[in-house]
Amino acid sequence: MRLRILPAILFFCLCSIARVQAGAVLFLGEPYGYDGIFAGTGHAAVYLSGVCATSPVVLRSCVPGETGIILSRYRGIGGYDWIAIPLIPYLYAVEKPEDIPLFADKKLVAFLRDHYRRDHLESLIPDSPDGGTPDGVWYELIGASYLRTIYAFEIETDPERDLDLIRMLNDRGNRQHWNLVTANCADFAREILSFYHPHSVHRSIVGDLGVTTPKQLARTLFNYSQRHPELRPSKFVIPQVPGTIPRSKRVKGVLEVMLTAKKYMLPIFVFHPYAAATAVAVYVEHWHFNPGKNAPILDSKRELGAALTSSERGVMQSRLNELIRSAVSADPGAKQRAWTPLRAGAVPALDDSGRPTLQVRVGDEVMSVGIARSNVLNISSVPAASEFAAALVEARLREELKSAATRKTARSDVESDLVLLEELLGSRTKGLASTSSSAGEGGIVASRAP
């Protein structure tokens, strides 16, 4: 697989060199929740590497070292039509890539989102009347990668057009006119991409019944980029963060939803067989499009690498099992079963450097455990802390090694996670050797192997 340095990689690097080119990246987000169950069309947003923001609703040019913004349209957020969010917060609800949690659940994600909202978005999204977290869909502006896998399609743009776009969006009224059929999130993304490259994307009258969908944008932009290699196109996958939040679903178009749902398709086949046959033909010809096919995966080092293969998954699973067997007694599953309620009862917090932690109660003691790569190894002398951290990394690995996750997991991430787990298990062993008390307090790890 040919990989090369692109702005799509460089926007993750906090560097001080000036940008030599600008890029626009279509973010195609998989559906989740009710959208994943009933519709499945997902979400579309646009990342611009050369455009930054004075506020979420006022744009400006980036200065060297800045990483650009995500422009997206959501319904009912401050009455605005579009909102601009910096890249890393949009994806992970933190401000530094090294502070991304290794394993996430709904409570942690809600905490990180609300913390970012209070620091950066309170004028746009104020507290509820009781001073708490407000309701609404504003949460989708922050931490998108906890909810869904995102497919990115990049093409080069002209920095002069960045200035034109900034002037256009700042000068025209930014007031909400969201409409599911005629002015949805994909319509806004289509407008932005067409501003840079006219006729690069378009809706499908037949395949989507005239509704603009995120998958149609990705398909047409991909086809356009294949005809214009001078735009240095690329595509890659931003995987969903491992955790207990349900995995996002495969993205679909309108016609695809009908063809894959019995409640829609069976009546059409029975009462309108010719229409059904036409729908199938259109699907085969126009909608057999896999956005992640042959796409590299963005890993935790902000580099593009190969996805984990099935054979590699088996090797990595064996390595994980061997590590666990060497660290615990006869029932490795007992550790995870005991760790799960501890994690569920833990309270999210930030350490002195603003990095995410969990406050975990073990017996009468409350310990702080780092949960990001930047602080997970900063464990205390309490054996239970290293046990908890090791169990968290083990849980992450087990999510990454599930068969359904293989094509969305970078091999390099699994390799680095195995090394991290080995370090944590080594720290646990040292902690056990230095204390005469039982390391199984709280029941995270039963005992040392003989």
Protein backbone atom coordinates (compact mmCIF):
# COMPACT_ATOMS: atom_id res chain seq x y z
CA MET A 1 0.00 0.00 0.00
CA ARG A 2 1.44 3.33 -1.04
CA LEU A 3 1.36 5.82 1.81
CA ARG A 4 2.61 9.38 1.60
CA ILE A 5 2.66 12.44 3.81
CA LEU A 6 -0.46 14.52 3.31
CA PRO A 7 -2.13 17.42 5.06
CA ALA A 8 -4.66 14.86 6.28
CA ILE A 9 -1.87 13.41 8.41
CA LEU A 10 -0.10 16.66 9.20
CA PHE A 11 -3.18 18.31 10.69
CA PHE A 12 -2.73 16.11 13.74
CA CYS A 13 0.83 17.34 14.31
CA LEU A 14 1.22 20.38 16.53
CA CYS A 15 4.11 21.83 14.56
CA SER A 16 5.31 25.34 13.84
CA ILE A 17 6.01 25.10 10.12
CA ALA A 18 3.85 27.04 7.71
CA ARG A 19 1.43 25.12 5.54
CA VAL A 20 2.40 24.77 1.91
CA GLN A 21 -1.01 23.73 0.74
CA ALA A 22 -4.59 23.58 1.95
CA GLY A 23 -6.94 20.66 1.98
CA ALA A 24 -10.62 19.89 2.33
CA VAL A 25 -11.65 16.56 3.87
CA LEU A 26 -15.14 15.13 3.76
CA PHE A 27 -15.92 13.31 7.00
CA LEU A 28 -18.43 10.51 6.43
CA GLY A 29 -19.62 9.36 9.86
CA GLU A 30 -21.30 5.99 10.35
CA PRO A 31 -24.78 6.02 11.89
CA TYR A 32 -25.36 5.13 15.54
CA GLY A 33 -28.31 4.86 17.90
CA TYR A 34 -31.73 5.33 16.33
CA ASP A 35 -30.18 6.48 13.05
CA GLY A 36 -28.25 3.21 12.86
CA ILE A 37 -31.36 1.15 13.58
CA PHE A 38 -34.02 2.90 11.51
CA ALA A 39 -32.29 4.97 8.81
CA GLY A 40 -28.56 4.43 8.59
CA THR A 41 -27.56 7.47 6.53
CA GLY A 42 -24.98 8.75 9.03
CA HIS A 43 -23.51 12.25 9.16
CA ALA A 44 -21.40 14.49 6.92
CA ALA A 45 -19.01 17.28 7.94
CA VAL A 46 -16.05 19.03 6.28
CA TYR A 47 -12.58 19.50 7.72
CA LEU A 48 -10.60 22.48 6.36
CA SER A 49 -6.90 22.49 7.17
CA GLY A 50 -6.37 26.16 6.26
CA VAL A 51 -9.43 27.65 8.01
CA CYS A 52 -9.62 28.34 11.75
CA ALA A 53 -12.11 30.16 13.96
CA THR A 54 -12.17 33.19 16.23
CA SER A 55 -15.32 31.72 17.75
CA PRO A 56 -17.55 28.78 16.79
CA VAL A 57 -19.44 31.09 14.42
CA VAL A 58 -16.70 33.43 13.14
CA LEU A 59 -13.99 32.13 10.78
CA ARG A 60 -10.44 33.31 10.08
CA SER A 61 -7.28 32.06 8.41
CA CYS A 62 -5.05 29.69 10.36
CA VAL A 63 -1.61 30.68 11.60
CA PRO A 64 1.32 28.23 11.57
CA GLY A 65 0.85 25.42 14.06
CA GLU A 66 -2.97 25.50 14.04
CA THR A 67 -4.83 22.45 12.86
CA GLY A 68 -7.95 23.78 11.13
CA ILE A 69 -11.62 23.30 11.93
CA ILE A 70 -14.59 21.04 11.28
CA LEU A 71 -17.59 22.76 9.73
CA SER A 72 -20.90 21.01 10.26
CA ARG A 73 -24.62 21.64 10.38
CA TYR A 74 -26.78 20.37 13.23
CA ARG A 75 -30.34 21.13 14.15
CA GLY A 76 -31.19 23.51 16.97
CA ILE A 77 -27.79 24.62 18.31
CA GLY A 78 -28.03 28.28 19.29
CA GLY A 79 -30.15 29.00 16.24
CA TYR A 80 -27.06 28.83 14.00
CA ASP A 81 -26.83 27.14 10.62
CA TRP A 82 -23.22 26.02 10.98
CA ILE A 83 -20.73 25.60 13.80
CA ALA A 84 -16.91 25.47 13.63
CA ILE A 85 -15.04 23.22 16.07
CA PRO A 86 -11.26 22.54 16.20
CA LEU A 87 -10.29 19.12 14.90
CA ILE A 88 -9.13 17.26 18.01
CA PRO A 89 -12.05 18.39 20.23
CA TYR A 90 -14.50 17.53 17.46
CA LEU A 91 -13.18 13.99 17.34
CA TYR A 92 -12.28 13.33 20.99
CA ALA A 93 -13.53 16.14 23.31
CA VAL A 94 -9.96 16.79 24.50
CA GLU A 95 -7.45 19.36 23.25
CA LYS A 96 -4.33 17.20 22.90
CA PRO A 97 -4.10 13.92 20.97
CA GLU A 98 -2.09 12.27 23.76
CA ASP A 99 -5.01 12.87 26.17
CA ILE A 100 -7.50 10.73 24.21
CA PRO A 101 -8.89 8.07 26.59
CA LEU A 102 -7.84 4.50 25.88
CA PHE A 103 -11.28 3.15 26.77
CA ALA A 104 -14.52 5.14 26.94
CA ASP A 105 -18.00 4.77 28.35
CA LYS A 106 -21.00 7.11 28.30
CA LYS A 107 -20.23 8.65 31.69
CA LEU A 108 -16.66 9.54 30.78
CA VAL A 109 -17.63 10.93 27.37
CA ALA A 110 -20.40 13.05 28.90
CA PHE A 111 -17.89 14.45 31.41
CA LEU A 112 -15.31 15.33 28.75
CA ARG A 113 -17.91 16.94 26.50
CA ASP A 114 -19.39 19.04 29.27
CA HIS A 115 -15.94 20.12 30.44
CA TYR A 116 -15.07 21.30 26.93
CA ARG A 117 -18.46 23.02 26.58
CA ARG A 118 -17.96 24.97 29.81
CA ASP A 119 -14.45 26.02 28.76
CA HIS A 120 -15.11 26.94 25.12
CA LEU A 121 -18.79 26.88 24.16
CA GLU A 122 -20.78 28.21 27.11
CA SER A 123 -21.72 31.43 25.32
CA LEU A 124 -23.17 29.31 22.52
CA ILE A 125 -24.52 26.47 24.66
CA PRO A 126 -25.23 27.84 28.16
CA ASP A 127 -25.91 25.81 31.28
CA SER A 128 -29.43 24.63 32.00
CA PRO A 129 -31.45 26.78 34.47
CA ASP A 130 -30.24 24.67 37.40
CA GLY A 131 -26.61 25.16 36.40
CA GLY A 132 -26.23 21.66 35.00
CA THR A 133 -25.55 20.24 31.55
CA PRO A 134 -28.14 21.38 28.97
CA ASP A 135 -30.17 19.04 26.83
CA GLY A 136 -30.03 19.00 23.04
CA VAL A 137 -27.90 17.63 20.23
CA TRP A 138 -24.95 19.95 20.94
CA TYR A 139 -23.01 16.94 22.22
CA GLU A 140 -22.56 15.76 18.62
CA LEU A 141 -20.24 18.71 18.01
CA ILE A 142 -17.66 17.24 20.40
CA GLY A 143 -16.23 13.74 20.69
CA ALA A 144 -17.63 12.31 17.45
CA SER A 145 -15.17 9.40 17.48
CA TYR A 146 -16.69 7.99 20.64
CA LEU A 147 -19.95 7.49 18.76
CA ARG A 148 -18.92 6.42 15.28
CA THR A 149 -16.25 5.37 12.85
CA ILE A 150 -15.46 8.15 10.38
CA TYR A 151 -14.27 7.78 6.77
CA ALA A 152 -12.20 10.70 5.49
CA PHE A 153 -11.88 11.73 1.82
CA GLU A 154 -9.35 14.48 1.14
CA ILE A 155 -8.62 16.67 -1.85
CA GLU A 156 -6.28 19.61 -2.21
CA THR A 157 -7.73 23.13 -2.25
CA ASP A 158 -6.52 26.62 -3.05
CA PRO A 159 -5.59 28.84 -0.06
CA GLU A 160 -7.13 31.78 -1.90
CA ARG A 161 -10.44 29.97 -1.92
CA ASP A 162 -10.09 29.55 1.85
CA LEU A 163 -10.15 33.34 2.14
CA ASP A 164 -13.16 33.55 -0.17
CA LEU A 165 -15.02 30.95 1.90
CA ILE A 166 -14.20 32.77 5.14
CA ARG A 167 -15.57 36.02 3.73
CA MET A 168 -18.69 34.34 2.35
CA LEU A 169 -19.62 32.51 5.55
CA ASN A 170 -18.78 35.44 7.83
CA ASP A 171 -20.75 37.94 5.74
CA ARG A 172 -23.92 36.01 5.11
CA GLY A 173 -26.46 35.38 7.85
CA ASN A 174 -25.60 32.33 9.93
CA ARG A 175 -29.15 31.52 10.96
CA GLN A 176 -30.59 28.03 11.06
CA HIS A 177 -32.48 26.70 8.06
CA TRP A 178 -31.97 22.99 8.68
CA ASN A 179 -34.38 20.69 6.90
CA LEU A 180 -34.15 16.91 6.74
CA VAL A 181 -34.92 16.71 3.01
CA THR A 182 -33.56 19.94 1.50
CA ALA A 183 -31.03 21.40 3.96
CA ASN A 184 -29.52 18.62 6.03
CA CYS A 185 -25.92 18.08 7.15
CA ALA A 186 -24.95 16.57 3.78
CA ASP A 187 -26.44 19.53 1.89
CA PHE A 188 -24.17 21.87 3.84
CA ALA A 189 -21.12 19.69 3.18
CA ARG A 190 -22.08 19.58 -0.51
CA GLU A 191 -22.21 23.38 -0.58
CA ILE A 192 -18.74 23.71 0.96
CA LEU A 193 -17.10 21.12 -1.30
CA SER A 194 -18.77 22.57 -4.39
CA PHE A 195 -17.47 26.01 -3.42
CA TYR A 196 -13.92 24.72 -3.76
CA HIS A 197 -14.50 22.30 -6.64
CA PRO A 198 -17.73 22.87 -8.62
CA HIS A 199 -19.44 19.67 -9.75
CA SER A 200 -17.23 17.52 -7.48
CA VAL A 201 -20.24 16.24 -5.53
CA HIS A 202 -23.94 16.00 -6.20
CA ARG A 203 -27.10 14.36 -4.92
CA SER A 204 -28.69 11.30 -6.53
CA ILE A 205 -32.22 11.71 -7.84
CA VAL A 206 -32.75 7.95 -8.24
CA GLY A 207 -30.52 6.36 -5.61
CA ASP A 208 -31.54 8.72 -2.79
CA LEU A 209 -34.87 9.96 -4.15
CA GLY A 210 -33.37 13.44 -4.46
CA VAL A 211 -32.20 13.69 -0.85
CA THR A 212 -28.52 14.51 -0.33
CA THR A 213 -26.90 11.78 1.76
CA PRO A 214 -23.40 11.52 3.28
CA LYS A 215 -22.60 8.31 1.41
CA GLN A 216 -23.54 9.85 -1.93
CA LEU A 217 -21.19 12.75 -1.23
CA ALA A 218 -18.36 10.34 -0.45
CA ARG A 219 -19.01 8.28 -3.56
CA THR A 220 -19.13 11.27 -5.91
CA LEU A 221 -16.13 12.98 -4.31
CA PHE A 222 -14.14 9.75 -4.57
CA ASN A 223 -15.04 9.39 -8.25
CA TYR A 224 -14.21 13.04 -8.90
CA SER A 225 -10.81 12.71 -7.22
CA GLN A 226 -9.98 9.67 -9.35
CA ARG A 227 -10.46 11.84 -12.44
CA HIS A 228 -8.30 14.61 -10.95
CA PRO A 229 -5.11 13.09 -9.52
CA GLU A 230 -3.53 16.56 -9.53
CA LEU A 231 -5.64 17.24 -6.42
CA ARG A 232 -3.58 14.61 -4.57
CA PRO A 233 -6.60 12.78 -3.18
CA SER A 234 -6.47 10.35 -0.29
CA LYS A 235 -8.82 8.49 1.98
CA PHE A 236 -8.43 6.94 5.41
CA VAL A 237 -10.42 5.67 8.39
CA ILE A 238 -10.69 7.29 11.83
CA PRO A 239 -11.80 4.38 14.06
CA GLN A 240 -14.32 4.60 16.85
CA VAL A 241 -12.63 4.72 20.26
CA PRO A 242 -12.85 1.30 22.00
CA GLY A 243 -15.23 1.14 24.93
CA THR A 244 -18.68 0.15 26.11
CA ILE A 245 -20.53 2.58 23.82
CA PRO A 246 -22.27 0.52 21.08
CA ARG A 247 -20.41 0.36 17.79
CA SER A 248 -21.69 2.42 14.89
CA LYS A 249 -23.36 0.74 11.91
CA ARG A 250 -22.64 0.55 8.20
CA VAL A 251 -23.56 3.75 6.39
CA LYS A 252 -26.31 3.57 3.75
CA GLY A 253 -28.14 5.64 1.19
CA VAL A 254 -31.92 6.08 1.00
CA LEU A 255 -32.45 3.33 -1.56
CA GLU A 256 -30.02 1.09 0.30
CA VAL A 257 -32.08 1.48 3.47
CA MET A 258 -35.11 0.26 1.58
CA LEU A 259 -33.29 -2.69 0.04
CA THR A 260 -31.84 -3.87 3.33
CA ALA A 261 -35.01 -3.49 5.41
CA LYS A 262 -37.66 -6.19 5.03
CA LYS A 263 -40.40 -3.90 6.33
CA TYR A 264 -39.80 -1.61 3.33
CA MET A 265 -38.75 -3.99 0.58
CA LEU A 266 -41.19 -6.90 0.94
CA PRO A 267 -44.31 -4.80 0.22
CA ILE A 268 -42.57 -3.25 -2.81
CA PHE A 269 -41.65 -6.68 -4.20
CA VAL A 270 -45.20 -7.93 -3.64
CA PHE A 271 -47.12 -4.96 -4.99
CA HIS A 272 -44.58 -3.26 -7.29
CA PRO A 273 -42.16 -5.92 -8.58
CA TYR A 274 -40.96 -3.77 -11.49
CA ALA A 275 -40.13 -0.90 -9.16
CA ALA A 276 -38.30 -3.34 -6.88
CA ALA A 277 -36.27 -4.72 -9.78
CA THR A 278 -35.34 -1.20 -10.85
CA ALA A 279 -34.26 -0.36 -7.29
CA VAL A 280 -32.01 -3.42 -7.16
CA ALA A 281 -30.42 -2.52 -10.49
CA VAL A 282 -29.73 1.04 -9.35
CA TYR A 283 -28.25 -0.25 -6.11
CA VAL A 284 -25.90 -2.67 -7.87
CA GLU A 285 -24.78 -0.07 -10.40
CA HIS A 286 -24.50 3.04 -8.23
CA TRP A 287 -24.48 2.08 -4.57
CA HIS A 288 -22.12 -0.84 -4.24
CA PHE A 289 -19.63 1.53 -2.68
CA ASN A 290 -17.54 0.60 0.37
CA PRO A 291 -16.06 3.82 1.85
CA GLY A 292 -13.42 1.95 3.84
CA LYS A 293 -12.19 -0.38 1.09
CA ASN A 294 -8.37 -0.47 0.97
CA ALA A 295 -8.23 2.61 3.20
CA PRO A 296 -5.41 2.94 5.77
CA ILE A 297 -6.31 3.46 9.43
CA LEU A 298 -5.38 6.52 11.47
CA ASP A 299 -3.62 5.16 14.57
CA SER A 300 -2.94 6.63 18.01
CA LYS A 301 0.36 8.13 16.79
CA ARG A 302 -1.57 10.11 14.14
CA GLU A 303 0.00 8.03 11.38
CA LEU A 304 -1.70 6.06 8.62
CA GLY A 305 -1.16 2.32 8.78
CA ALA A 306 -2.56 -0.96 7.57
CA ALA A 307 -5.67 -2.49 9.08
CA LEU A 308 -5.33 -5.65 11.12
CA THR A 309 -5.76 -8.79 9.02
CA SER A 310 -7.59 -11.91 10.16
CA SER A 311 -4.36 -13.89 10.48
CA GLU A 312 -2.68 -11.08 12.42
CA ARG A 313 -5.70 -10.92 14.69
CA GLY A 314 -5.15 -14.56 15.64
CA VAL A 315 -1.48 -13.93 16.44
CA MET A 316 -2.28 -10.85 18.52
CA GLN A 317 -5.03 -12.70 20.38
CA SER A 318 -2.58 -15.45 21.30
CA ARG A 319 -0.09 -12.86 22.56
CA LEU A 320 -2.77 -11.22 24.68
CA ASN A 321 -3.90 -14.54 26.16
CA GLU A 322 -0.32 -15.45 26.99
CA LEU A 323 0.24 -12.14 28.75
CA ILE A 324 -2.89 -12.58 30.82
CA ARG A 325 -2.08 -16.20 31.69
CA SER A 326 1.35 -15.19 32.93
CA ALA A 327 -0.13 -12.53 35.18
CA VAL A 328 -3.19 -14.07 36.81
CA SER A 329 -4.42 -17.33 38.23
CA ALA A 330 -6.57 -20.01 36.66
CA ASP A 331 -9.57 -17.79 35.86
CA PRO A 332 -8.49 -14.74 33.85
CA GLY A 333 -12.12 -13.79 33.29
CA ALA A 334 -12.59 -13.22 37.02
CA LYS A 335 -10.34 -10.15 36.79
CA GLN A 336 -12.44 -8.53 34.07
CA ARG A 337 -15.69 -9.45 35.83
CA ALA A 338 -14.46 -7.74 38.99
CA TRP A 339 -13.01 -4.78 37.08
CA THR A 340 -16.25 -3.98 35.25
CA PRO A 341 -18.26 -2.81 38.31
CA LEU A 342 -15.25 -0.83 39.55
CA ARG A 343 -15.08 0.99 36.23
CA ALA A 344 -18.83 1.54 36.19
CA GLY A 345 -18.67 3.10 39.65
CA ALA A 346 -15.60 5.24 38.92
CA VAL A 347 -15.93 9.02 38.72
CA PRO A 348 -14.33 10.86 35.75
CA ALA A 349 -11.95 13.66 36.65
CA LEU A 350 -8.91 15.55 35.38
CA ASP A 351 -5.44 15.43 36.86
CA ASP A 352 -3.31 18.50 37.63
CA SER A 353 -2.27 18.71 33.97
CA GLY A 354 -5.85 18.51 32.68
CA ARG A 355 -5.57 14.91 31.50
CA PRO A 356 -8.50 12.47 31.96
CA THR A 357 -8.50 10.14 34.96
CA LEU A 358 -10.92 7.93 36.85
CA GLN A 359 -11.40 8.19 40.59
CA VAL A 360 -11.81 4.56 41.62
CA ARG A 361 -12.95 3.42 45.04
CA VAL A 362 -11.38 0.19 46.29
CA GLY A 363 -12.58 -0.58 49.79
CA ASP A 364 -12.19 2.61 51.82
CA GLU A 365 -9.57 4.06 49.50
CA VAL A 366 -10.13 6.27 46.46
CA MET A 367 -7.33 6.13 43.92
CA SER A 368 -6.77 8.23 40.78
CA VAL A 369 -5.92 6.22 37.67
CA GLY A 370 -4.81 7.82 34.41
CA ILE A 371 -6.70 6.54 31.39
CA ALA A 372 -4.84 8.21 28.49
CA ARG A 373 -1.48 7.36 26.98
CA SER A 374 -0.09 10.52 28.55
CA ASN A 375 -0.82 9.41 32.12
CA VAL A 376 -1.80 5.73 32.29
CA LEU A 377 1.73 4.75 33.36
CA ASN A 378 1.75 7.37 36.14
CA ILE A 379 0.39 4.82 38.57
CA SER A 380 0.67 5.07 42.31
CA SER A 381 2.35 2.60 44.62
CA VAL A 382 -1.05 1.07 45.37
CA PRO A 383 -1.11 -2.32 43.57
CA ALA A 384 -4.82 -1.93 42.83
CA ALA A 385 -4.10 1.15 40.70
CA SER A 386 -1.78 -0.71 38.33
CA GLU A 387 -4.23 -3.62 38.29
CA PHE A 388 -7.05 -1.30 37.27
CA ALA A 389 -4.95 0.35 34.55
CA ALA A 390 -3.87 -3.05 33.20
CA ALA A 391 -7.47 -4.25 33.14
CA LEU A 392 -8.47 -1.11 31.22
CA VAL A 393 -5.83 -1.71 28.54
CA GLU A 394 -6.82 -5.38 28.38
CA ALA A 395 -10.45 -4.35 27.80
CA ARG A 396 -9.31 -2.04 25.02
CA LEU A 397 -7.37 -4.85 23.38
CA ARG A 398 -10.30 -7.24 23.56
CA GLU A 399 -12.47 -4.67 21.78
CA GLU A 400 -9.82 -4.10 19.11
CA LEU A 401 -9.45 -7.84 18.53
CA LYS A 402 -13.14 -8.59 17.99
CA SER A 403 -13.65 -9.94 14.48
CA ALA A 404 -16.08 -7.15 13.56
CA ALA A 405 -13.51 -4.51 14.52
CA THR A 406 -10.57 -5.96 12.59
CA ARG A 407 -10.98 -3.91 9.39
CA LYS A 408 -11.27 -0.70 11.47
CA THR A 409 -8.28 -1.34 13.75
CA ALA A 410 -4.71 -0.34 12.97
CA ARG A 411 -2.18 -3.12 13.43
CA SER A 412 0.24 -0.61 14.98
CA ASP A 413 -2.29 0.28 17.69
CA VAL A 414 -2.72 -3.33 18.75
CA GLU A 415 1.04 -3.82 18.85
CA SER A 416 1.58 -0.70 20.98
CA ASP A 417 -1.31 -1.64 23.27
CA LEU A 418 0.22 -5.06 23.88
CA VAL A 419 3.50 -3.37 24.84
CA LEU A 420 1.60 -1.00 27.12
CA LEU A 421 -0.20 -3.89 28.80
CA GLU A 422 3.07 -5.69 29.33
CA GLU A 423 4.50 -2.58 31.03
CA LEU A 424 1.48 -2.28 33.29
CA LEU A 425 1.56 -5.95 34.22
CA GLY A 426 5.26 -5.57 35.01
CA SER A 427 4.45 -2.61 37.26
CA ARG A 428 1.79 -4.68 38.97
CA THR A 429 4.23 -7.48 39.64
CA LYS A 430 6.72 -5.06 41.20
CA GLY A 431 3.96 -3.61 43.35
CA LEU A 432 2.93 -7.04 44.53
CA ALA A 433 6.51 -7.93 45.40
CA SER A 434 6.92 -4.76 47.46
CA THR A 435 3.92 -5.27 49.72
CA SER A 436 2.93 -8.01 52.09
CA SER A 437 -0.78 -7.34 51.64
CA SER A 438 -2.88 -9.24 49.15
CA ALA A 439 -2.91 -7.67 45.67
CA GLY A 440 -6.42 -8.94 45.13
CA GLU A 441 -8.10 -6.23 47.27
CA GLY A 442 -11.11 -5.10 45.29
CA GLY A 443 -10.83 -8.31 43.30
CA ILE A 444 -9.31 -6.84 40.13
CA VAL A 445 -6.65 -9.54 39.84
CA ALA A 446 -7.04 -12.73 41.78
CA SER A 447 -3.43 -13.59 42.59
CA ARG A 448 -0.02 -14.03 41.06
CA ALA A 449 0.62 -17.06 38.93
CA PRO A 450 2.84 -19.65 40.62
